């Protein structure tokens, strides 16, 4: 079985991978598994303590990623 890993927070990447997986399934009659890797921006859920560098990364990500 083919496995495709994709950034689950990137809508366009998920769309493209899903489209490719559909083509593989239809044209080659093979199963495809999509693994959508995601991350959370909540400090409580992070297992690694935040350092000053991680805080700046978190600030950067919060500016570019919408969190529901």
Protein backbone atom coordinates (compact mmCIF):
# COMPACT_ATOMS: atom_id res chain seq x y z
CA UNK A 1 0.00 0.00 0.00
CA UNK A 2 1.28 3.46 -0.89
CA UNK A 3 1.48 5.91 2.01
CA UNK A 4 1.73 9.65 1.43
CA UNK A 5 2.62 12.01 4.30
CA UNK A 6 1.53 15.62 4.06
CA UNK A 7 1.46 18.74 6.23
CA UNK A 8 -2.12 18.60 7.50
CA UNK A 9 -2.19 22.33 8.21
CA UNK A 10 -1.50 23.19 4.56
CA UNK A 11 -4.86 23.10 2.75
CA UNK A 12 -3.31 23.23 -0.71
CA UNK A 13 -0.86 20.41 0.04
CA UNK A 14 -3.67 18.22 1.39
CA UNK A 15 -5.76 18.96 -1.71
CA UNK A 16 -2.90 18.07 -4.08
CA UNK A 17 -2.04 14.87 -2.22
CA UNK A 18 -5.69 13.82 -2.14
CA UNK A 19 -5.96 14.46 -5.86
CA UNK A 20 -2.80 12.40 -6.53
CA UNK A 21 -4.01 9.59 -4.25
CA UNK A 22 -7.33 9.49 -6.09
CA UNK A 23 -5.55 9.16 -9.42
CA UNK A 24 -3.40 6.30 -8.09
CA UNK A 25 -6.46 4.53 -6.70
CA UNK A 26 -8.45 4.89 -9.93
CA UNK A 27 -5.73 4.29 -12.52
CA UNK A 28 -3.67 1.61 -10.77
CA UNK A 29 -6.40 0.03 -8.62
CA UNK A 30 -4.16 0.35 -5.55
CA UNK A 31 -5.06 1.52 -2.05
CA UNK A 32 -3.46 4.75 -0.82
CA UNK A 33 -3.21 6.01 2.74
CA UNK A 34 -2.79 9.72 3.40
CA UNK A 35 -1.10 10.67 6.68
CA UNK A 36 -1.83 14.32 7.47
CA UNK A 37 0.67 15.52 10.08
CA UNK A 38 -0.58 18.47 12.14
CA UNK A 39 0.70 20.55 15.02
CA UNK A 40 -0.86 22.70 17.69
CA UNK A 41 0.18 26.15 18.81
CA UNK A 42 -0.94 25.75 22.43
CA UNK A 43 1.90 25.69 25.01
CA UNK A 44 0.06 23.26 27.26
CA UNK A 45 0.08 20.60 24.55
CA UNK A 46 3.76 20.93 23.65
CA UNK A 47 5.89 18.23 25.27
CA UNK A 48 9.14 20.17 24.92
CA UNK A 49 9.48 23.31 27.10
CA UNK A 50 9.57 26.52 25.12
CA UNK A 51 12.87 28.37 24.88
CA UNK A 52 13.41 31.89 23.62
CA UNK A 53 13.94 30.53 20.09
CA UNK A 54 10.75 28.48 20.25
CA UNK A 55 8.84 31.54 21.41
CA UNK A 56 9.90 33.49 18.34
CA UNK A 57 8.92 30.51 16.15
CA UNK A 58 5.55 30.39 17.89
CA UNK A 59 5.04 34.12 17.26
CA UNK A 60 5.92 33.67 13.60
CA UNK A 61 3.55 30.74 13.20
CA UNK A 62 0.69 32.50 14.98
CA UNK A 63 1.00 35.34 12.50
CA UNK A 64 0.70 33.05 9.49
CA UNK A 65 -1.58 30.22 10.66
CA UNK A 66 -5.20 30.59 11.63
CA UNK A 67 -6.08 28.58 14.69
CA UNK A 68 -9.75 27.74 15.17
